[in-house]
Amino acid sequence: MSLSLYLVFDYMVHDLAGLASSPKIKFTEPQLRAVKCYMHQLLLGLEHYHSVVFQQILYFEMFKKKLYLLMEQYAF
């Protein structure tokens, strides 16, 4: 299994939808597989990011509730 690193930048000359809708440009089968692979990797990264952020938010909300209960208990 080979490992690869791909960099994603926030600006490109063309977007994928524009290229796909252009009648002049025809993707080859290897190019289509590469696009599918890139999209899969992006979606996996996004899923991981959202799961981590959600866990942090959930932890913070639980911490706030515990802090509030302690403040009520000791009449701060």
C-alpha atoms as a PDB file:
ATOM      1  CA  MET A   1       0.000   0.000   0.000  1.00  0.00           C
ATOM      2  CA  SER A   2       1.487   3.319  -0.982  1.00  0.00           C
ATOM      3  CA  LEU A   3       0.795   6.391   1.068  1.00  0.00           C
ATOM      4  CA  SER A   4       0.235   9.737  -0.609  1.00  0.00           C
ATOM      5  CA  LEU A   5      -0.196  13.262   0.627  1.00  0.00           C
ATOM      6  CA  TYR A   6      -2.441  15.662  -1.250  1.00  0.00           C
ATOM      7  CA  LEU A   7      -2.626  19.377  -0.630  1.00  0.00           C
ATOM      8  CA  VAL A   8      -5.935  21.185  -1.056  1.00  0.00           C
ATOM      9  CA  PHE A   9      -5.832  24.871  -1.857  1.00  0.00           C
ATOM     10  CA  ASP A  10      -8.705  27.317  -1.616  1.00  0.00           C
ATOM     11  CA  TYR A  11      -8.221  28.815  -5.125  1.00  0.00           C
ATOM     12  CA  MET A  12      -8.047  27.157  -8.509  1.00  0.00           C
ATOM     13  CA  VAL A  13      -8.318  28.589 -11.999  1.00  0.00           C
ATOM     14  CA  HIS A  14     -11.258  26.264 -12.742  1.00  0.00           C
ATOM     15  CA  ASP A  15     -13.711  24.460 -10.534  1.00  0.00           C
ATOM     16  CA  LEU A  16     -14.587  20.809 -11.079  1.00  0.00           C
ATOM     17  CA  ALA A  17     -18.214  21.533 -11.956  1.00  0.00           C
ATOM     18  CA  GLY A  18     -17.133  24.003 -14.640  1.00  0.00           C
ATOM     19  CA  LEU A  19     -14.681  21.521 -16.116  1.00  0.00           C
ATOM     20  CA  ALA A  20     -17.211  18.680 -16.044  1.00  0.00           C
ATOM     21  CA  SER A  21     -19.879  20.766 -17.778  1.00  0.00           C
ATOM     22  CA  SER A  22     -17.528  21.955 -20.533  1.00  0.00           C
ATOM     23  CA  PRO A  23     -18.147  20.091 -23.812  1.00  0.00           C
ATOM     24  CA  LYS A  24     -14.497  20.611 -24.806  1.00  0.00           C
ATOM     25  CA  ILE A  25     -13.084  18.650 -21.883  1.00  0.00           C
ATOM     26  CA  LYS A  26     -13.437  14.882 -21.647  1.00  0.00           C
ATOM     27  CA  PHE A  27     -12.112  13.098 -18.590  1.00  0.00           C
ATOM     28  CA  THR A  28     -10.334   9.791 -19.041  1.00  0.00           C
ATOM     29  CA  GLU A  29     -11.142   6.833 -16.813  1.00  0.00           C
ATOM     30  CA  PRO A  30      -7.962   7.270 -14.692  1.00  0.00           C
ATOM     31  CA  GLN A  31      -8.789  10.964 -14.217  1.00  0.00           C
ATOM     32  CA  LEU A  32     -12.329  10.102 -13.097  1.00  0.00           C
ATOM     33  CA  ARG A  33     -10.958   7.544 -10.624  1.00  0.00           C
ATOM     34  CA  ALA A  34      -8.538  10.169  -9.291  1.00  0.00           C
ATOM     35  CA  VAL A  35     -11.365  12.696  -8.831  1.00  0.00           C
ATOM     36  CA  LYS A  36     -13.433  10.087  -6.980  1.00  0.00           C
ATOM     37  CA  CYS A  37     -10.434   9.261  -4.790  1.00  0.00           C
ATOM     38  CA  TYR A  38      -9.818  12.947  -3.974  1.00  0.00           C
ATOM     39  CA  MET A  39     -13.476  13.529  -3.145  1.00  0.00           C
ATOM     40  CA  HIS A  40     -13.523  10.426  -0.960  1.00  0.00           C
ATOM     41  CA  GLN A  41     -10.460  11.648   0.946  1.00  0.00           C
ATOM     42  CA  LEU A  42     -11.956  15.128   1.371  1.00  0.00           C
ATOM     43  CA  LEU A  43     -15.229  13.727   2.686  1.00  0.00           C
ATOM     44  CA  LEU A  44     -13.427  11.390   5.093  1.00  0.00           C
ATOM     45  CA  GLY A  45     -11.404  14.336   6.392  1.00  0.00           C
ATOM     46  CA  LEU A  46     -14.538  16.429   6.767  1.00  0.00           C
ATOM     47  CA  GLU A  47     -16.293  13.603   8.614  1.00  0.00           C
ATOM     48  CA  HIS A  48     -13.344  13.251  10.996  1.00  0.00           C
ATOM     49  CA  TYR A  49     -13.176  17.016  11.572  1.00  0.00           C
ATOM     50  CA  HIS A  50     -16.883  17.203  12.382  1.00  0.00           C
ATOM     51  CA  SER A  51     -16.698  14.255  14.770  1.00  0.00           C
ATOM     52  CA  VAL A  52     -13.771  15.828  16.658  1.00  0.00           C
ATOM     53  CA  VAL A  53     -15.395  19.263  16.826  1.00  0.00           C
ATOM     54  CA  PHE A  54     -18.707  17.752  17.946  1.00  0.00           C
ATOM     55  CA  GLN A  55     -16.948  15.842  20.750  1.00  0.00           C
ATOM     56  CA  GLN A  56     -15.214  19.015  21.909  1.00  0.00           C
ATOM     57  CA  ILE A  57     -18.481  20.967  21.903  1.00  0.00           C
ATOM     58  CA  LEU A  58     -20.236  18.174  23.792  1.00  0.00           C
ATOM     59  CA  TYR A  59     -17.419  18.055  26.371  1.00  0.00           C
ATOM     60  CA  PHE A  60     -17.533  21.838  26.799  1.00  0.00           C
ATOM     61  CA  GLU A  61     -21.318  21.791  27.305  1.00  0.00           C
ATOM     62  CA  MET A  62     -20.980  19.066  29.945  1.00  0.00           C
ATOM     63  CA  PHE A  63     -18.211  21.072  31.650  1.00  0.00           C
ATOM     64  CA  LYS A  64     -20.421  24.182  31.725  1.00  0.00           C
ATOM     65  CA  LYS A  65     -23.285  22.224  33.303  1.00  0.00           C
ATOM     66  CA  LYS A  66     -21.000  20.767  35.978  1.00  0.00           C
ATOM     67  CA  LEU A  67     -19.545  24.193  36.684  1.00  0.00           C
ATOM     68  CA  TYR A  68     -23.040  25.671  36.969  1.00  0.00           C
ATOM     69  CA  LEU A  69     -24.094  22.924  39.398  1.00  0.00           C
ATOM     70  CA  LEU A  70     -21.005  23.523  41.530  1.00  0.00           C
ATOM     71  CA  MET A  71     -21.696  27.246  41.586  1.00  0.00           C
ATOM     72  CA  GLU A  72     -25.277  26.595  42.693  1.00  0.00           C
ATOM     73  CA  GLN A  73     -24.148  24.105  45.331  1.00  0.00           C
ATOM     74  CA  TYR A  74     -21.627  26.469  46.904  1.00  0.00           C
ATOM     75  CA  ALA A  75     -23.719  29.613  46.301  1.00  0.00           C
ATOM     76  CA  PHE A  76     -21.244  31.537  44.182  1.00  0.00           C
END
